[in-house]
N, C-alpha and C. Protein backbone atom coordinates (compact mmCIF):
# COMPACT_ATOMS: atom_id res chain seq x y z
N MET A 1 32.30 -25.32 7.90
CA MET A 1 31.21 -24.37 8.18
C MET A 1 29.95 -24.75 7.36
N ALA A 2 28.74 -24.72 7.97
CA ALA A 2 27.52 -25.14 7.34
C ALA A 2 27.21 -24.20 6.21
N ARG A 3 26.60 -24.65 5.08
CA ARG A 3 26.19 -23.80 4.02
C ARG A 3 25.12 -22.86 4.56
N GLY A 4 25.17 -21.60 4.06
CA GLY A 4 24.26 -20.61 4.51
C GLY A 4 22.95 -20.68 3.80
N LYS A 5 21.95 -20.02 4.17
CA LYS A 5 20.63 -19.90 3.59
C LYS A 5 20.70 -18.78 2.50
N LEU A 6 19.91 -18.99 1.34
CA LEU A 6 19.86 -17.99 0.35
C LEU A 6 18.87 -16.79 0.77
N ILE A 7 19.50 -15.61 0.86
CA ILE A 7 18.59 -14.46 1.09
C ILE A 7 17.82 -14.01 -0.02
N PRO A 8 16.56 -13.78 0.03
CA PRO A 8 15.78 -13.37 -1.19
C PRO A 8 16.41 -12.14 -1.75
N LYS A 9 16.46 -12.16 -3.09
CA LYS A 9 17.13 -11.10 -3.84
C LYS A 9 16.30 -9.74 -3.60
N GLU A 10 14.97 -9.89 -3.35
CA GLU A 10 14.22 -8.66 -3.06
C GLU A 10 14.76 -7.84 -1.91
N ASN A 11 15.33 -8.62 -0.96
CA ASN A 11 15.95 -7.86 0.17
C ASN A 11 17.35 -7.56 -0.04
N LEU A 12 18.25 -8.47 -0.42
CA LEU A 12 19.68 -8.29 -0.64
C LEU A 12 19.92 -7.15 -1.74
N PHE A 13 19.25 -7.19 -2.77
CA PHE A 13 19.57 -6.39 -3.95
C PHE A 13 19.18 -4.97 -3.65
N HIS A 14 18.16 -4.72 -2.86
CA HIS A 14 17.93 -3.28 -2.51
C HIS A 14 18.85 -2.71 -1.71
N VAL A 15 19.39 -3.57 -0.75
CA VAL A 15 20.54 -3.00 0.17
C VAL A 15 21.74 -2.68 -0.66
N ILE A 16 22.11 -3.53 -1.54
CA ILE A 16 23.41 -3.30 -2.40
C ILE A 16 23.18 -2.08 -3.28
N GLU A 17 21.95 -1.93 -3.86
CA GLU A 17 21.68 -0.78 -4.74
C GLU A 17 21.75 0.52 -3.91
N ARG A 18 21.20 0.50 -2.63
CA ARG A 18 21.23 1.67 -1.87
C ARG A 18 22.68 2.02 -1.36
N LEU A 19 23.46 1.05 -1.09
CA LEU A 19 24.75 1.23 -0.63
C LEU A 19 25.70 1.87 -1.74
N GLY A 20 25.45 1.50 -2.99
CA GLY A 20 26.22 1.89 -4.05
C GLY A 20 27.71 1.58 -4.00
N ASP A 21 28.70 2.54 -4.15
CA ASP A 21 30.10 2.09 -4.05
C ASP A 21 30.54 1.76 -2.57
N LYS A 22 29.68 1.82 -1.66
CA LYS A 22 29.96 1.39 -0.23
C LYS A 22 29.49 -0.08 0.02
N ALA A 23 29.12 -0.81 -1.05
CA ALA A 23 28.49 -2.11 -0.80
C ALA A 23 29.60 -3.08 -0.58
N THR A 24 30.40 -2.99 0.55
CA THR A 24 31.42 -3.96 0.86
C THR A 24 30.72 -5.08 1.68
N TRP A 25 31.26 -6.28 1.90
CA TRP A 25 30.74 -7.29 2.60
C TRP A 25 30.23 -6.89 3.92
N GLN A 26 31.09 -6.12 4.64
CA GLN A 26 30.64 -5.72 6.10
C GLN A 26 29.46 -4.80 5.99
N ASN A 27 29.36 -3.92 5.16
CA ASN A 27 28.24 -2.97 5.05
C ASN A 27 27.11 -3.72 4.65
N ILE A 28 27.14 -4.65 3.74
CA ILE A 28 25.93 -5.42 3.31
C ILE A 28 25.42 -6.19 4.48
N TYR A 29 26.37 -6.83 5.30
CA TYR A 29 25.96 -7.52 6.43
C TYR A 29 25.32 -6.60 7.43
N ASP A 30 25.77 -5.47 7.78
CA ASP A 30 25.23 -4.56 8.68
C ASP A 30 23.76 -4.16 8.29
N ASN A 31 23.57 -3.97 6.97
CA ASN A 31 22.32 -3.33 6.52
C ASN A 31 21.28 -4.27 6.05
N THR A 32 21.65 -5.62 5.96
CA THR A 32 20.66 -6.47 5.51
C THR A 32 19.90 -7.15 6.63
N ILE A 33 18.60 -6.83 6.79
CA ILE A 33 17.79 -7.27 8.01
C ILE A 33 16.58 -8.09 7.46
N GLY A 34 16.34 -9.15 8.09
CA GLY A 34 15.30 -10.14 7.73
C GLY A 34 13.98 -9.58 8.18
N GLU A 35 12.90 -10.34 7.83
CA GLU A 35 11.53 -10.01 8.12
C GLU A 35 11.25 -10.13 9.68
N ASN A 36 12.10 -10.76 10.42
CA ASN A 36 12.00 -10.80 11.85
C ASN A 36 12.74 -9.63 12.52
N GLY A 37 13.28 -8.77 11.96
CA GLY A 37 13.96 -7.55 12.42
C GLY A 37 15.37 -7.88 12.87
N LYS A 38 15.90 -8.89 12.59
CA LYS A 38 17.26 -9.32 12.86
C LYS A 38 18.12 -9.38 11.65
N ARG A 39 19.46 -9.30 11.90
CA ARG A 39 20.42 -9.51 10.89
C ARG A 39 20.53 -10.94 10.42
N TYR A 40 20.85 -11.19 9.18
CA TYR A 40 21.15 -12.55 8.74
C TYR A 40 22.43 -13.04 9.34
N ALA A 41 22.67 -14.33 9.50
CA ALA A 41 23.92 -14.93 9.81
C ALA A 41 24.93 -14.64 8.92
N SER A 42 26.19 -14.47 9.22
CA SER A 42 27.27 -14.08 8.27
C SER A 42 27.42 -15.19 7.19
N ASN A 43 27.26 -16.44 7.44
CA ASN A 43 27.34 -17.40 6.46
C ASN A 43 26.19 -17.26 5.37
N ASP A 44 25.04 -16.78 5.79
CA ASP A 44 23.94 -16.60 4.78
C ASP A 44 24.36 -15.46 3.88
N ILE A 45 25.03 -14.40 4.45
CA ILE A 45 25.48 -13.35 3.59
C ILE A 45 26.47 -13.84 2.62
N GLY A 46 27.45 -14.55 3.07
CA GLY A 46 28.52 -15.02 2.17
C GLY A 46 28.00 -15.99 1.11
N TYR A 47 27.15 -16.85 1.60
CA TYR A 47 26.60 -17.88 0.62
C TYR A 47 25.70 -17.03 -0.46
N SER A 48 24.91 -16.25 -0.01
CA SER A 48 24.06 -15.48 -0.95
C SER A 48 24.78 -14.79 -1.96
N LEU A 49 25.82 -13.95 -1.47
CA LEU A 49 26.71 -13.17 -2.48
C LEU A 49 27.33 -14.02 -3.54
N GLU A 50 27.92 -15.11 -3.14
CA GLU A 50 28.61 -16.07 -3.96
C GLU A 50 27.58 -16.65 -4.93
N TYR A 51 26.34 -16.98 -4.50
CA TYR A 51 25.33 -17.59 -5.37
C TYR A 51 24.95 -16.67 -6.41
N TYR A 52 24.65 -15.47 -6.03
CA TYR A 52 24.16 -14.52 -6.96
C TYR A 52 25.31 -14.06 -8.01
N LEU A 53 26.53 -13.98 -7.45
CA LEU A 53 27.75 -13.76 -8.42
C LEU A 53 27.78 -14.82 -9.38
N GLU A 54 27.70 -16.14 -9.00
CA GLU A 54 27.83 -17.24 -9.95
C GLU A 54 26.71 -17.22 -10.93
N ASN A 55 25.51 -16.71 -10.64
CA ASN A 55 24.49 -16.69 -11.57
C ASN A 55 24.31 -15.39 -12.28
N ASN A 56 25.49 -14.56 -12.20
CA ASN A 56 25.52 -13.30 -12.94
C ASN A 56 24.49 -12.27 -12.62
N MET A 57 24.03 -12.31 -11.38
CA MET A 57 23.09 -11.38 -10.94
C MET A 57 23.74 -10.33 -10.15
N LEU A 58 24.89 -10.56 -9.72
CA LEU A 58 25.83 -9.60 -9.06
C LEU A 58 27.19 -9.46 -9.80
N GLN A 59 27.80 -8.42 -9.57
CA GLN A 59 29.11 -8.32 -10.04
C GLN A 59 29.98 -7.68 -8.84
N GLU A 60 31.34 -7.95 -9.05
CA GLU A 60 32.13 -7.27 -8.11
C GLU A 60 33.39 -6.65 -8.63
N LYS A 61 34.00 -5.71 -7.77
CA LYS A 61 35.34 -5.23 -8.09
C LYS A 61 36.10 -5.21 -6.86
N GLN A 62 37.43 -5.23 -6.97
CA GLN A 62 38.35 -5.24 -5.83
C GLN A 62 38.69 -3.83 -5.57
N MET A 63 38.32 -3.32 -4.37
CA MET A 63 38.63 -2.00 -3.97
C MET A 63 40.14 -1.91 -3.60
N ASN A 64 40.67 -3.06 -2.90
CA ASN A 64 41.96 -3.08 -2.53
C ASN A 64 42.21 -4.56 -2.33
N LYS A 65 43.36 -4.94 -1.73
CA LYS A 65 43.66 -6.41 -1.64
C LYS A 65 42.72 -7.09 -0.80
N LYS A 66 42.03 -6.46 0.16
CA LYS A 66 41.20 -7.17 1.14
C LYS A 66 39.71 -6.93 0.97
N THR A 67 39.34 -5.88 0.30
CA THR A 67 37.96 -5.43 0.12
C THR A 67 37.36 -5.58 -1.24
N ARG A 68 36.26 -6.29 -1.14
CA ARG A 68 35.46 -6.43 -2.50
C ARG A 68 34.15 -5.52 -2.40
N VAL A 69 33.84 -4.96 -3.48
CA VAL A 69 32.56 -4.08 -3.55
C VAL A 69 31.60 -4.70 -4.50
N PHE A 70 30.41 -4.89 -4.11
CA PHE A 70 29.39 -5.65 -4.96
C PHE A 70 28.38 -4.62 -5.58
N SER A 71 27.93 -5.01 -6.73
CA SER A 71 26.96 -4.26 -7.43
C SER A 71 26.06 -5.16 -8.25
N LEU A 72 24.84 -4.71 -8.65
CA LEU A 72 23.93 -5.47 -9.37
C LEU A 72 24.46 -5.73 -10.70
N GLY A 73 24.08 -6.94 -11.26
CA GLY A 73 24.48 -7.28 -12.64
C GLY A 73 23.87 -6.43 -13.63
N LYS A 74 24.37 -6.19 -14.78
CA LYS A 74 23.87 -5.30 -15.73
C LYS A 74 22.47 -5.66 -16.19
N SER A 75 22.10 -6.92 -16.17
CA SER A 75 20.76 -7.39 -16.57
C SER A 75 19.72 -7.45 -15.51
N VAL A 76 20.17 -7.01 -14.36
CA VAL A 76 19.21 -7.01 -13.14
C VAL A 76 18.43 -5.74 -13.03
N ASP A 77 17.11 -5.91 -12.75
CA ASP A 77 16.34 -4.71 -12.49
C ASP A 77 16.86 -4.02 -11.21
N ASP A 78 17.08 -2.70 -11.35
CA ASP A 78 17.60 -1.96 -10.17
C ASP A 78 16.50 -1.07 -9.54
N THR A 79 15.29 -1.57 -9.57
CA THR A 79 14.20 -0.74 -8.81
C THR A 79 13.56 -1.58 -7.79
N TYR A 80 14.29 -2.32 -7.12
CA TYR A 80 13.75 -3.06 -5.94
C TYR A 80 13.23 -2.16 -4.85
N ASP A 81 12.00 -2.48 -4.31
CA ASP A 81 11.53 -1.71 -3.27
C ASP A 81 12.24 -2.01 -1.90
N ASP A 82 12.12 -1.19 -0.89
CA ASP A 82 12.72 -1.34 0.36
C ASP A 82 12.02 -2.54 1.05
N PHE A 83 12.71 -3.70 1.14
CA PHE A 83 12.15 -4.82 1.70
C PHE A 83 11.64 -4.70 3.20
N LEU A 84 12.45 -4.14 4.03
CA LEU A 84 12.21 -3.93 5.35
C LEU A 84 10.90 -2.96 5.60
N LYS A 85 10.92 -1.92 4.82
CA LYS A 85 9.79 -1.05 4.92
C LYS A 85 8.51 -1.74 4.49
N ASN A 86 8.55 -2.59 3.43
CA ASN A 86 7.47 -3.31 3.03
C ASN A 86 6.94 -4.30 4.13
N VAL A 87 7.85 -4.98 4.79
CA VAL A 87 7.55 -5.86 5.88
C VAL A 87 6.81 -5.09 7.03
N SER A 88 7.43 -3.92 7.33
CA SER A 88 6.86 -3.22 8.47
C SER A 88 5.50 -2.63 8.15
N ASN A 89 5.16 -2.22 6.79
CA ASN A 89 3.89 -1.73 6.48
C ASN A 89 2.89 -2.84 6.45
N GLN A 90 3.29 -4.12 6.00
CA GLN A 90 2.41 -5.23 6.19
C GLN A 90 1.98 -5.46 7.66
N LYS A 91 2.94 -5.43 8.49
CA LYS A 91 2.63 -5.76 9.84
C LYS A 91 1.68 -4.57 10.43
N LYS A 92 1.90 -3.38 10.16
CA LYS A 92 1.22 -2.16 10.48
C LYS A 92 -0.21 -2.30 9.97
N THR A 93 -0.48 -2.58 8.71
CA THR A 93 -1.72 -2.72 8.08
C THR A 93 -2.46 -3.97 8.70
N LYS A 94 -1.82 -5.02 9.02
CA LYS A 94 -2.58 -6.09 9.51
C LYS A 94 -3.05 -5.86 10.85
N LEU A 95 -2.26 -5.14 11.76
CA LEU A 95 -2.75 -4.86 13.15
C LEU A 95 -3.91 -3.87 13.16
N GLU A 96 -3.76 -2.83 12.28
CA GLU A 96 -4.80 -1.85 12.02
C GLU A 96 -6.09 -2.45 11.67
N GLN A 97 -6.07 -3.41 10.80
CA GLN A 97 -7.28 -4.13 10.27
C GLN A 97 -7.91 -4.74 11.33
N LEU A 98 -7.10 -5.61 12.16
CA LEU A 98 -7.67 -6.45 13.28
C LEU A 98 -8.27 -5.59 14.33
N VAL A 99 -7.67 -4.45 14.63
CA VAL A 99 -8.27 -3.67 15.71
C VAL A 99 -9.58 -3.01 15.19
N GLU A 100 -9.55 -2.72 13.91
CA GLU A 100 -10.74 -2.19 13.22
C GLU A 100 -12.09 -3.15 13.45
N VAL A 101 -11.64 -4.47 13.28
CA VAL A 101 -12.74 -5.49 13.38
C VAL A 101 -13.28 -5.44 14.79
N LEU A 102 -12.52 -5.18 15.79
CA LEU A 102 -13.01 -5.16 17.20
C LEU A 102 -13.49 -3.82 17.65
N ASP A 103 -13.58 -2.87 16.83
CA ASP A 103 -14.03 -1.45 17.15
C ASP A 103 -15.42 -1.55 17.71
N HIS A 104 -15.69 -1.02 18.96
CA HIS A 104 -17.03 -0.92 19.53
C HIS A 104 -17.45 -2.31 19.89
N LYS A 105 -16.69 -3.43 19.88
CA LYS A 105 -17.11 -4.66 20.26
C LYS A 105 -16.73 -4.94 21.72
N GLN A 106 -17.61 -5.67 22.44
CA GLN A 106 -17.29 -6.04 23.73
C GLN A 106 -16.38 -7.33 23.88
N ILE A 107 -15.31 -7.25 24.65
CA ILE A 107 -14.34 -8.36 24.58
C ILE A 107 -14.48 -9.20 25.79
N PHE A 108 -14.82 -8.47 26.96
CA PHE A 108 -14.95 -9.17 28.26
C PHE A 108 -16.27 -8.90 28.82
N THR A 109 -16.85 -9.84 29.51
CA THR A 109 -18.14 -9.74 30.16
C THR A 109 -17.84 -9.04 31.51
N LYS A 110 -18.87 -8.58 32.20
CA LYS A 110 -18.79 -7.89 33.44
C LYS A 110 -18.18 -8.79 34.49
N ASP A 111 -18.25 -10.19 34.38
CA ASP A 111 -17.67 -10.98 35.40
C ASP A 111 -16.17 -11.41 35.01
N GLY A 112 -15.67 -10.83 33.93
CA GLY A 112 -14.29 -10.97 33.57
C GLY A 112 -14.11 -12.06 32.45
N GLY A 113 -15.21 -12.72 32.04
CA GLY A 113 -14.99 -13.77 31.00
C GLY A 113 -15.00 -13.24 29.66
N PHE A 114 -14.53 -14.09 28.81
CA PHE A 114 -14.53 -13.68 27.27
C PHE A 114 -15.97 -13.60 26.71
N VAL A 115 -16.21 -12.67 25.84
CA VAL A 115 -17.39 -12.66 25.09
C VAL A 115 -17.24 -13.59 23.84
N VAL A 116 -17.85 -14.74 23.89
CA VAL A 116 -17.48 -15.90 22.97
C VAL A 116 -17.39 -15.48 21.46
N LYS A 117 -18.36 -14.69 21.05
CA LYS A 117 -18.47 -14.42 19.59
C LYS A 117 -17.26 -13.47 19.14
N ASN A 118 -16.75 -12.74 20.09
CA ASN A 118 -15.53 -11.85 19.71
C ASN A 118 -14.21 -12.39 20.12
N HIS A 119 -14.18 -13.54 20.79
CA HIS A 119 -12.93 -14.09 21.31
C HIS A 119 -11.93 -14.41 20.15
N GLU A 120 -12.43 -15.00 19.12
CA GLU A 120 -11.44 -15.39 18.09
C GLU A 120 -10.83 -14.08 17.40
N ASP A 121 -11.60 -13.06 17.19
CA ASP A 121 -11.04 -11.83 16.58
C ASP A 121 -9.95 -11.14 17.52
N PHE A 122 -10.27 -11.29 18.97
CA PHE A 122 -9.42 -10.68 19.88
C PHE A 122 -8.08 -11.46 19.95
N THR A 123 -8.13 -12.81 19.79
CA THR A 123 -6.90 -13.67 19.84
C THR A 123 -6.09 -13.32 18.52
N LYS A 124 -6.79 -13.09 17.41
CA LYS A 124 -6.04 -12.77 16.19
C LYS A 124 -5.30 -11.42 16.35
N PHE A 125 -5.94 -10.49 17.09
CA PHE A 125 -5.31 -9.16 17.42
C PHE A 125 -4.06 -9.35 18.33
N MET A 126 -4.22 -10.15 19.28
CA MET A 126 -3.23 -10.30 20.34
C MET A 126 -1.95 -10.98 19.72
N MET A 127 -2.27 -11.89 18.76
CA MET A 127 -1.12 -12.61 18.10
C MET A 127 -0.39 -11.66 17.11
N ALA A 128 -1.09 -10.75 16.44
CA ALA A 128 -0.48 -9.90 15.59
C ALA A 128 0.28 -8.75 16.41
N LEU A 129 -0.35 -8.38 17.61
CA LEU A 129 0.33 -7.49 18.44
C LEU A 129 1.63 -8.04 18.98
N GLU A 130 1.65 -9.35 19.34
CA GLU A 130 2.92 -10.02 19.99
C GLU A 130 3.87 -9.92 18.77
N ASP A 131 3.53 -10.26 17.49
CA ASP A 131 4.41 -10.30 16.46
C ASP A 131 5.07 -9.03 16.14
N ILE A 132 4.26 -7.93 16.15
CA ILE A 132 4.87 -6.63 15.89
C ILE A 132 5.68 -6.03 17.02
N CYS A 133 5.38 -6.45 18.22
CA CYS A 133 6.22 -6.10 19.34
C CYS A 133 7.57 -6.79 19.29
N GLN A 134 7.56 -8.06 18.96
CA GLN A 134 8.87 -8.85 18.84
C GLN A 134 9.61 -8.19 17.72
N PHE A 135 9.02 -7.92 16.60
CA PHE A 135 9.72 -7.20 15.54
C PHE A 135 10.32 -5.85 16.00
N TYR A 136 9.48 -5.15 16.70
CA TYR A 136 10.05 -3.88 17.18
C TYR A 136 11.29 -3.98 18.12
N THR A 137 11.23 -4.96 19.08
CA THR A 137 12.34 -5.11 19.95
C THR A 137 13.55 -5.65 19.28
N ASN A 138 13.33 -6.51 18.33
CA ASN A 138 14.41 -7.10 17.51
C ASN A 138 15.21 -5.91 16.78
N LEU A 139 14.30 -5.01 16.16
CA LEU A 139 14.99 -3.86 15.54
C LEU A 139 15.76 -3.03 16.42
N LEU A 140 15.22 -2.81 17.64
CA LEU A 140 16.08 -2.01 18.54
C LEU A 140 17.37 -2.68 18.95
N HIS A 141 17.46 -4.06 19.16
CA HIS A 141 18.66 -4.74 19.26
C HIS A 141 19.68 -4.64 18.09
N THR A 142 19.00 -4.77 16.88
CA THR A 142 19.76 -4.67 15.71
C THR A 142 20.47 -3.38 15.47
N ARG A 143 19.71 -2.23 15.85
CA ARG A 143 20.35 -0.93 15.77
C ARG A 143 21.43 -0.73 16.82
N GLU A 144 21.15 -1.30 18.01
CA GLU A 144 22.10 -1.13 19.03
C GLU A 144 23.47 -1.86 18.80
N ASN A 145 23.35 -3.00 18.06
CA ASN A 145 24.46 -3.90 17.76
C ASN A 145 25.06 -3.64 16.42
N ALA A 146 24.83 -2.29 15.87
CA ALA A 146 25.49 -2.06 14.61
C ALA A 146 26.91 -2.04 14.78
N ASP A 147 27.67 -2.42 13.70
CA ASP A 147 29.16 -2.38 13.66
C ASP A 147 29.48 -1.00 13.33
N LEU A 148 29.92 -0.11 14.35
CA LEU A 148 30.19 1.25 14.11
C LEU A 148 31.60 1.44 13.61
N ASP A 149 32.34 0.32 13.51
CA ASP A 149 33.68 0.37 12.99
C ASP A 149 33.79 0.45 11.45
N GLY A 150 32.68 0.36 10.85
CA GLY A 150 32.62 0.34 9.26
C GLY A 150 33.08 -0.97 8.85
N ASP A 151 34.08 -0.99 7.84
CA ASP A 151 34.43 -2.29 7.27
C ASP A 151 35.62 -2.94 8.11
N SER A 152 35.23 -3.95 8.83
CA SER A 152 36.18 -4.53 9.81
C SER A 152 37.37 -5.14 9.05
N MET A 153 37.26 -5.43 7.72
CA MET A 153 38.44 -5.97 7.03
C MET A 153 39.45 -5.02 6.78
N THR A 154 39.10 -3.61 6.64
CA THR A 154 40.03 -2.61 6.35
C THR A 154 40.24 -1.79 7.54
N GLY A 155 39.44 -1.78 8.51
CA GLY A 155 39.54 -0.90 9.63
C GLY A 155 39.04 0.60 9.29
N LEU A 156 38.45 0.78 8.15
CA LEU A 156 37.98 2.13 7.78
C LEU A 156 36.69 2.37 8.37
N SER A 157 36.52 3.45 8.86
CA SER A 157 35.20 3.87 9.39
C SER A 157 34.28 4.58 8.22
N ASP A 158 33.03 4.25 8.28
CA ASP A 158 32.20 4.59 7.16
C ASP A 158 30.94 5.31 7.77
N ASN A 159 31.16 6.44 8.33
CA ASN A 159 29.99 7.07 9.06
C ASN A 159 28.82 7.28 8.27
N ALA A 160 29.05 7.70 6.88
CA ALA A 160 27.91 8.00 6.09
C ALA A 160 27.02 6.79 5.86
N THR A 161 27.60 5.55 5.75
CA THR A 161 26.78 4.37 5.56
C THR A 161 26.06 4.16 6.76
N HIS A 162 26.69 4.32 7.97
CA HIS A 162 25.88 4.04 9.30
C HIS A 162 24.81 5.15 9.53
N ASP A 163 25.06 6.29 9.08
CA ASP A 163 24.01 7.42 9.12
C ASP A 163 22.75 6.96 8.37
N ILE A 164 23.02 6.37 7.24
CA ILE A 164 21.81 6.02 6.37
C ILE A 164 21.15 4.77 6.94
N PHE A 165 21.94 3.77 7.50
CA PHE A 165 21.36 2.66 8.14
C PHE A 165 20.55 3.20 9.44
N ASN A 166 21.20 3.98 10.18
CA ASN A 166 20.39 4.50 11.40
C ASN A 166 19.17 5.25 11.06
N SER A 167 19.24 6.05 10.07
CA SER A 167 18.07 6.86 9.58
C SER A 167 16.94 5.82 9.16
N ASN A 168 17.21 4.86 8.38
CA ASN A 168 16.29 3.90 7.86
C ASN A 168 15.64 3.10 8.93
N ILE A 169 16.41 2.45 9.81
CA ILE A 169 15.93 1.59 10.84
C ILE A 169 15.15 2.45 12.00
N THR A 170 15.63 3.58 12.20
CA THR A 170 14.96 4.45 13.22
C THR A 170 13.59 4.82 12.77
N TYR A 171 13.37 5.12 11.44
CA TYR A 171 12.17 5.41 10.84
C TYR A 171 11.23 4.33 11.14
N ILE A 172 11.62 3.13 10.86
CA ILE A 172 10.75 1.90 11.00
C ILE A 172 10.48 1.66 12.46
N ILE A 173 11.48 1.75 13.41
CA ILE A 173 11.30 1.68 14.85
C ILE A 173 10.13 2.63 15.29
N LYS A 174 10.17 3.88 14.95
CA LYS A 174 9.23 4.92 15.30
C LYS A 174 7.87 4.50 14.80
N LEU A 175 7.79 4.02 13.49
CA LEU A 175 6.53 3.64 12.95
C LEU A 175 5.89 2.55 13.71
N MET A 176 6.71 1.48 13.99
CA MET A 176 6.13 0.34 14.70
C MET A 176 5.64 0.79 16.11
N LYS A 177 6.41 1.61 16.76
CA LYS A 177 5.97 2.08 18.21
C LYS A 177 4.69 2.78 18.07
N LYS A 178 4.58 3.68 17.08
CA LYS A 178 3.37 4.56 16.98
C LYS A 178 2.10 3.65 16.63
N THR A 179 2.40 2.63 15.87
CA THR A 179 1.28 1.72 15.42
C THR A 179 0.77 0.91 16.61
N ILE A 180 1.75 0.39 17.38
CA ILE A 180 1.29 -0.41 18.62
C ILE A 180 0.65 0.59 19.55
N GLU A 181 1.08 1.75 19.88
CA GLU A 181 0.40 2.59 20.75
C GLU A 181 -0.99 3.01 20.37
N GLU A 182 -1.13 3.42 19.11
CA GLU A 182 -2.33 3.77 18.52
C GLU A 182 -3.42 2.56 18.48
N CYS A 183 -3.03 1.52 18.07
CA CYS A 183 -3.94 0.30 18.14
C CYS A 183 -4.39 -0.04 19.50
N CYS A 184 -3.48 0.00 20.44
CA CYS A 184 -3.80 -0.39 21.87
C CYS A 184 -4.83 0.59 22.38
N VAL A 185 -4.66 1.93 22.12
CA VAL A 185 -5.49 2.95 22.52
C VAL A 185 -6.92 2.83 21.98
N LYS A 186 -7.07 2.51 20.57
CA LYS A 186 -8.22 2.25 19.89
C LYS A 186 -8.94 1.03 20.37
N LEU A 187 -8.14 0.01 20.77
CA LEU A 187 -8.89 -1.21 21.26
C LEU A 187 -9.62 -0.86 22.55
N LYS A 188 -9.10 0.02 23.50
CA LYS A 188 -9.69 0.35 24.68
C LYS A 188 -10.78 1.40 24.72
N TYR A 189 -10.74 2.13 23.52
CA TYR A 189 -11.58 3.31 23.45
C TYR A 189 -13.18 2.89 23.65
N GLY A 190 -13.89 3.61 24.32
CA GLY A 190 -15.30 3.50 24.58
C GLY A 190 -15.68 2.26 25.50
N LYS A 191 -14.71 1.60 26.06
CA LYS A 191 -15.05 0.43 26.88
C LYS A 191 -15.33 0.92 28.27
N GLU A 192 -16.05 0.20 29.03
CA GLU A 192 -16.47 0.44 30.52
C GLU A 192 -15.09 0.26 31.25
N GLN A 193 -15.03 0.90 32.43
CA GLN A 193 -13.81 0.90 33.17
C GLN A 193 -13.46 -0.56 33.54
N GLU A 194 -14.29 -1.48 33.96
CA GLU A 194 -13.97 -2.78 34.35
C GLU A 194 -13.39 -3.59 33.20
N GLU A 195 -13.93 -3.24 31.97
CA GLU A 195 -13.32 -4.05 30.78
C GLU A 195 -12.02 -3.39 30.40
N ARG A 196 -11.78 -2.12 30.53
CA ARG A 196 -10.60 -1.44 30.19
C ARG A 196 -9.46 -2.07 31.07
N ILE A 197 -9.73 -2.29 32.33
CA ILE A 197 -8.71 -2.83 33.28
C ILE A 197 -8.38 -4.25 32.86
N LYS A 198 -9.31 -5.07 32.49
CA LYS A 198 -9.16 -6.36 32.04
C LYS A 198 -8.17 -6.34 30.67
N ILE A 199 -8.62 -5.54 29.80
CA ILE A 199 -7.79 -5.40 28.54
C ILE A 199 -6.43 -4.93 28.81
N ASN A 200 -6.31 -3.94 29.71
CA ASN A 200 -4.92 -3.45 30.05
C ASN A 200 -4.01 -4.57 30.60
N GLY A 201 -4.64 -5.45 31.38
CA GLY A 201 -3.89 -6.56 31.91
C GLY A 201 -3.30 -7.44 30.82
N MET A 202 -4.34 -7.65 29.75
CA MET A 202 -3.81 -8.55 28.62
C MET A 202 -2.72 -7.87 27.82
N LEU A 203 -2.97 -6.56 27.57
CA LEU A 203 -1.97 -5.74 26.76
C LEU A 203 -0.62 -5.75 27.42
N ASP A 204 -0.59 -5.53 28.76
CA ASP A 204 0.59 -5.33 29.60
C ASP A 204 1.45 -6.59 29.46
N ASN A 205 0.91 -7.73 29.20
CA ASN A 205 1.68 -8.95 29.10
C ASN A 205 2.63 -8.89 27.83
N VAL A 206 2.27 -8.04 26.85
CA VAL A 206 2.93 -8.05 25.59
C VAL A 206 3.68 -6.70 25.39
N THR A 207 3.02 -5.54 25.89
CA THR A 207 3.58 -4.28 25.63
C THR A 207 4.06 -3.63 26.91
N TRP A 208 4.44 -4.38 27.82
CA TRP A 208 4.98 -3.79 29.14
C TRP A 208 6.05 -2.73 28.94
N PHE A 209 6.95 -3.04 27.95
CA PHE A 209 8.05 -2.18 27.80
C PHE A 209 7.61 -0.76 27.13
N LEU A 210 6.44 -0.63 26.66
CA LEU A 210 5.98 0.62 26.16
C LEU A 210 5.03 1.40 27.04
N LYS A 211 4.41 0.58 27.99
CA LYS A 211 3.46 1.28 28.93
C LYS A 211 2.33 1.84 28.09
N VAL A 212 1.70 1.10 27.21
CA VAL A 212 0.51 1.71 26.52
C VAL A 212 -0.69 1.27 27.30
């Protein structure tokens, strides 16, 4: 098996801290989500846990013959911020800033062409919109594919852990959906009907699943 990639401690350690005595390999895998909204590969989880163990940044105890529980090392800062919420807030802020730049600016001419001086800013907005929409859909798939059987190594169901996971990821999903909808509405606000139709066509290519 190929060696995994090292997961940033800013992400992994927050998950382990939040899980507490439920920080089994399976629960860490279920709850650790990258900046693209997807789970890391299993060999990334395995490699990262072993790496941080070897460097005394994590410690472990054996719950039973099959299950290891991980915790932060004694010398490690235990106040890591929520990585995924930080990522989502950065994407939210970026899109809001870009739509603010376009506020009350004409994007399309009456004959349907781009207004040249505003085209670059509109392109930046559309790229950020596409990024946040992809993040949103990835989070939806990640939530749908959660391992509801708890720790697959022991067969024990851990409803409390999954409730926490679902609560956290659902909050971010709702935040992203609200951000997309509000920024798209703001982009069209005050525009003439012909221009609104043209903008709607561009937005629909990216946000068709939300019908904004």
